[in-house]
């Protein structure tokens, strides 16, 4: 995703490709550039540990925190051992 640093009446801000403001207003241009750089780094694909199994995998971005194996085999998080058994009174 591309960002632009733009001036506002009160300082500097960051806009996305659709020209929507995506940052707070900064007093200096340098602060706006630093914010944009951190956002690009944070959302860029990178190696992360799966939140479920801790195996490293190539994440598409900050929103992608489960490896393909765990994402495919999602359950309620209780596991088979802790899953309660419900029996009817017949």
N, C-alpha and C. Protein backbone atom coordinates (compact mmCIF):
# COMPACT_ATOMS: atom_id res chain seq x y z
N UNK A 1 0.84 -1.17 0.00
CA UNK A 1 0.00 0.00 0.00
C UNK A 1 0.89 1.23 0.00
N UNK A 2 0.49 2.24 -0.71
CA UNK A 2 1.29 3.45 -0.77
C UNK A 2 0.65 4.54 0.08
N UNK A 3 1.50 5.38 0.63
CA UNK A 3 1.07 6.48 1.48
C UNK A 3 1.66 7.78 0.99
N UNK A 4 0.99 8.88 1.28
CA UNK A 4 1.48 10.21 0.96
C UNK A 4 1.48 11.05 2.22
N UNK A 5 2.48 11.90 2.35
CA UNK A 5 2.55 12.84 3.46
C UNK A 5 1.97 14.15 2.94
N UNK A 6 0.95 14.66 3.62
CA UNK A 6 0.27 15.88 3.16
C UNK A 6 0.22 16.90 4.28
N UNK A 7 0.14 18.17 3.88
CA UNK A 7 0.00 19.23 4.87
C UNK A 7 -1.48 19.43 5.18
N UNK A 8 -1.74 19.80 6.42
CA UNK A 8 -3.08 20.15 6.86
C UNK A 8 -3.02 21.53 7.48
N UNK A 9 -4.14 22.05 7.90
CA UNK A 9 -4.14 23.37 8.55
C UNK A 9 -3.36 23.36 9.86
N UNK A 10 -3.27 22.18 10.48
CA UNK A 10 -2.65 22.09 11.80
C UNK A 10 -1.31 21.35 11.81
N UNK A 11 -0.82 20.92 10.65
CA UNK A 11 0.45 20.20 10.61
C UNK A 11 0.54 19.27 9.43
N UNK A 12 0.95 18.04 9.70
CA UNK A 12 1.17 17.03 8.66
C UNK A 12 0.38 15.77 8.98
N UNK A 13 -0.07 15.07 7.94
CA UNK A 13 -0.75 13.79 8.15
C UNK A 13 -0.40 12.84 7.01
N UNK A 14 -0.85 11.60 7.14
CA UNK A 14 -0.57 10.56 6.16
C UNK A 14 -1.89 10.16 5.51
N UNK A 15 -1.86 10.06 4.16
CA UNK A 15 -3.02 9.61 3.40
C UNK A 15 -2.69 8.32 2.68
N UNK A 16 -3.70 7.47 2.48
CA UNK A 16 -3.51 6.25 1.69
C UNK A 16 -3.71 6.55 0.21
N UNK A 17 -3.68 5.52 -0.62
CA UNK A 17 -3.80 5.70 -2.07
C UNK A 17 -5.16 6.27 -2.46
N UNK A 18 -6.19 6.04 -1.64
CA UNK A 18 -7.53 6.56 -1.91
C UNK A 18 -7.69 7.99 -1.38
N UNK A 19 -6.60 8.58 -0.92
CA UNK A 19 -6.57 9.95 -0.40
C UNK A 19 -7.39 10.11 0.88
N UNK A 20 -7.46 9.04 1.67
CA UNK A 20 -8.12 9.07 2.96
C UNK A 20 -7.06 9.26 4.04
N UNK A 21 -7.33 10.13 5.00
CA UNK A 21 -6.36 10.32 6.09
C UNK A 21 -6.36 9.09 6.97
N UNK A 22 -5.18 8.53 7.21
CA UNK A 22 -5.05 7.31 8.00
C UNK A 22 -4.20 7.51 9.25
N UNK A 23 -3.83 8.74 9.53
CA UNK A 23 -2.98 9.01 10.69
C UNK A 23 -3.52 10.18 11.48
N UNK A 24 -3.01 10.36 12.69
CA UNK A 24 -3.30 11.62 13.39
C UNK A 24 -2.53 12.76 12.73
N UNK A 25 -2.76 13.96 13.16
CA UNK A 25 -2.02 15.12 12.66
C UNK A 25 -0.74 15.27 13.48
N UNK A 26 0.38 15.48 12.78
CA UNK A 26 1.68 15.61 13.43
C UNK A 26 2.19 17.04 13.30
N UNK A 27 2.99 17.45 14.25
CA UNK A 27 3.56 18.80 14.24
C UNK A 27 4.66 18.95 13.20
N UNK A 28 5.36 17.84 12.89
CA UNK A 28 6.46 17.91 11.93
C UNK A 28 6.27 16.89 10.82
N UNK A 29 6.86 17.18 9.68
CA UNK A 29 6.81 16.25 8.55
C UNK A 29 7.56 14.96 8.88
N UNK A 30 8.65 15.09 9.61
CA UNK A 30 9.44 13.93 10.01
C UNK A 30 8.66 12.94 10.86
N UNK A 31 7.83 13.47 11.75
CA UNK A 31 7.00 12.60 12.59
C UNK A 31 5.99 11.84 11.74
N UNK A 32 5.42 12.49 10.73
CA UNK A 32 4.46 11.83 9.84
C UNK A 32 5.16 10.75 9.01
N UNK A 33 6.36 11.03 8.54
CA UNK A 33 7.13 10.05 7.77
C UNK A 33 7.47 8.85 8.65
N UNK A 34 7.87 9.09 9.89
CA UNK A 34 8.19 8.01 10.81
C UNK A 34 6.96 7.13 11.08
N UNK A 35 5.80 7.76 11.26
CA UNK A 35 4.56 7.01 11.50
C UNK A 35 4.24 6.12 10.29
N UNK A 36 4.36 6.69 9.08
CA UNK A 36 4.08 5.92 7.86
C UNK A 36 5.05 4.75 7.72
N UNK A 37 6.32 4.97 8.02
CA UNK A 37 7.31 3.89 7.91
C UNK A 37 7.00 2.76 8.88
N UNK A 38 6.60 3.10 10.12
CA UNK A 38 6.24 2.06 11.09
C UNK A 38 5.00 1.29 10.65
N UNK A 39 4.04 2.00 10.07
CA UNK A 39 2.82 1.32 9.60
C UNK A 39 3.13 0.37 8.45
N UNK A 40 3.98 0.78 7.54
CA UNK A 40 4.38 -0.09 6.42
C UNK A 40 5.09 -1.32 6.95
N UNK A 41 6.00 -1.14 7.89
CA UNK A 41 6.75 -2.25 8.47
C UNK A 41 5.84 -3.21 9.22
N UNK A 42 4.90 -2.66 9.98
CA UNK A 42 4.00 -3.48 10.80
C UNK A 42 3.05 -4.31 9.94
N UNK A 43 2.60 -3.77 8.82
CA UNK A 43 1.62 -4.47 8.00
C UNK A 43 2.24 -5.28 6.86
N UNK A 44 3.54 -5.19 6.69
CA UNK A 44 4.21 -5.92 5.62
C UNK A 44 4.28 -7.42 5.93
N UNK A 45 4.27 -8.26 4.88
CA UNK A 45 4.45 -9.69 5.12
C UNK A 45 5.78 -9.95 5.81
N UNK A 46 5.75 -10.83 6.80
CA UNK A 46 6.98 -11.18 7.52
C UNK A 46 6.80 -12.51 8.22
N UNK A 47 7.91 -13.05 8.70
CA UNK A 47 7.85 -14.30 9.45
C UNK A 47 7.30 -14.00 10.85
N UNK A 48 6.30 -14.79 11.25
CA UNK A 48 5.69 -14.65 12.57
C UNK A 48 5.52 -16.03 13.17
N UNK A 49 5.31 -16.09 14.47
CA UNK A 49 4.98 -17.34 15.15
C UNK A 49 3.48 -17.48 15.19
N UNK A 50 2.99 -18.67 14.89
CA UNK A 50 1.56 -18.95 14.94
C UNK A 50 1.09 -18.79 16.39
N UNK A 51 -0.03 -18.13 16.60
CA UNK A 51 -0.55 -17.93 17.95
C UNK A 51 -1.07 -19.22 18.56
N UNK A 52 -1.40 -20.21 17.74
CA UNK A 52 -1.93 -21.47 18.26
C UNK A 52 -0.84 -22.50 18.54
N UNK A 53 0.08 -22.70 17.59
CA UNK A 53 1.07 -23.78 17.73
C UNK A 53 2.51 -23.28 17.87
N UNK A 54 2.72 -21.98 17.74
CA UNK A 54 4.04 -21.35 17.86
C UNK A 54 5.00 -21.67 16.72
N UNK A 55 4.56 -22.38 15.68
CA UNK A 55 5.43 -22.65 14.54
C UNK A 55 5.61 -21.37 13.72
N UNK A 56 6.82 -21.13 13.22
CA UNK A 56 7.02 -19.95 12.37
C UNK A 56 6.37 -20.17 10.99
N UNK A 57 5.82 -19.08 10.44
CA UNK A 57 5.24 -19.14 9.09
C UNK A 57 5.31 -17.75 8.48
N UNK A 58 5.15 -17.67 7.17
CA UNK A 58 5.19 -16.39 6.46
C UNK A 58 3.81 -15.76 6.52
N UNK A 59 3.67 -14.70 7.31
CA UNK A 59 2.40 -14.03 7.52
C UNK A 59 2.16 -12.98 6.44
N UNK A 60 0.92 -12.86 5.99
CA UNK A 60 0.58 -11.85 4.98
C UNK A 60 0.49 -10.45 5.57
N UNK A 61 0.39 -10.34 6.87
CA UNK A 61 0.30 -9.04 7.54
C UNK A 61 -0.11 -9.22 8.99
N UNK A 62 -0.30 -8.13 9.67
CA UNK A 62 -0.61 -8.20 11.10
C UNK A 62 -1.92 -8.92 11.37
N UNK A 63 -2.82 -8.94 10.41
CA UNK A 63 -4.10 -9.61 10.57
C UNK A 63 -3.99 -11.13 10.46
N UNK A 64 -2.89 -11.63 9.93
CA UNK A 64 -2.69 -13.05 9.64
C UNK A 64 -1.81 -13.65 10.73
N UNK A 65 -2.40 -14.23 11.78
CA UNK A 65 -1.62 -14.70 12.92
C UNK A 65 -1.68 -16.20 13.14
N UNK A 66 -2.44 -16.94 12.33
CA UNK A 66 -2.47 -18.40 12.41
C UNK A 66 -1.80 -19.00 11.19
N UNK A 67 -0.99 -20.03 11.39
CA UNK A 67 -0.33 -20.69 10.26
C UNK A 67 -1.40 -21.39 9.42
N UNK A 68 -1.09 -21.74 8.17
CA UNK A 68 -2.07 -22.40 7.32
C UNK A 68 -2.63 -23.69 7.94
N UNK A 69 -1.81 -24.45 8.65
CA UNK A 69 -2.28 -25.69 9.26
C UNK A 69 -3.35 -25.39 10.32
N UNK A 70 -3.05 -24.47 11.25
CA UNK A 70 -3.99 -24.16 12.33
C UNK A 70 -5.23 -23.44 11.81
N UNK A 71 -5.06 -22.61 10.80
CA UNK A 71 -6.20 -21.91 10.22
C UNK A 71 -7.17 -22.90 9.60
N UNK A 72 -6.63 -23.95 9.00
CA UNK A 72 -7.46 -24.98 8.36
C UNK A 72 -8.15 -25.86 9.41
N UNK A 73 -7.55 -26.03 10.57
CA UNK A 73 -8.07 -26.92 11.61
C UNK A 73 -8.54 -26.15 12.84
N UNK A 74 -9.24 -25.06 12.64
CA UNK A 74 -9.70 -24.28 13.78
C UNK A 74 -10.78 -25.03 14.55
N UNK A 75 -10.74 -24.90 15.86
CA UNK A 75 -11.80 -25.43 16.71
C UNK A 75 -12.15 -24.37 17.73
N UNK A 76 -12.83 -24.74 18.77
CA UNK A 76 -13.24 -23.77 19.77
C UNK A 76 -12.15 -23.44 20.79
N UNK A 77 -10.98 -24.05 20.66
CA UNK A 77 -9.88 -23.76 21.55
C UNK A 77 -9.86 -24.60 22.80
N UNK A 78 -10.89 -25.41 23.03
CA UNK A 78 -10.91 -26.24 24.24
C UNK A 78 -10.08 -27.50 24.10
N UNK A 79 -9.92 -28.00 22.90
CA UNK A 79 -9.20 -29.25 22.70
C UNK A 79 -10.09 -30.44 23.04
N UNK A 80 -9.70 -31.61 22.59
CA UNK A 80 -10.51 -32.81 22.82
C UNK A 80 -10.54 -33.22 24.28
N UNK A 81 -9.46 -33.01 25.02
CA UNK A 81 -9.38 -33.46 26.41
C UNK A 81 -10.34 -32.67 27.30
N UNK A 82 -10.47 -31.38 27.07
CA UNK A 82 -11.27 -30.53 27.94
C UNK A 82 -12.72 -30.38 27.47
N UNK A 83 -13.06 -30.93 26.34
CA UNK A 83 -14.40 -30.77 25.79
C UNK A 83 -15.42 -31.47 26.68
N UNK A 84 -16.43 -30.77 27.17
CA UNK A 84 -17.42 -31.42 28.03
C UNK A 84 -18.30 -32.40 27.24
N UNK A 85 -18.70 -33.45 27.90
CA UNK A 85 -19.60 -34.43 27.29
C UNK A 85 -20.99 -34.21 27.83
N UNK A 86 -21.95 -34.05 26.95
CA UNK A 86 -23.33 -33.83 27.36
C UNK A 86 -24.10 -35.13 27.11
N UNK A 87 -24.68 -35.64 28.17
CA UNK A 87 -25.44 -36.89 28.05
C UNK A 87 -26.90 -36.60 28.35
N UNK A 88 -27.76 -37.25 27.64
CA UNK A 88 -29.19 -37.07 27.88
C UNK A 88 -29.65 -38.01 28.99
N UNK A 89 -30.73 -37.64 29.64
CA UNK A 89 -31.30 -38.48 30.70
C UNK A 89 -32.35 -39.40 30.10
N UNK A 90 -31.93 -40.47 29.57
CA UNK A 90 -32.87 -41.40 28.94
C UNK A 90 -33.20 -42.56 29.82
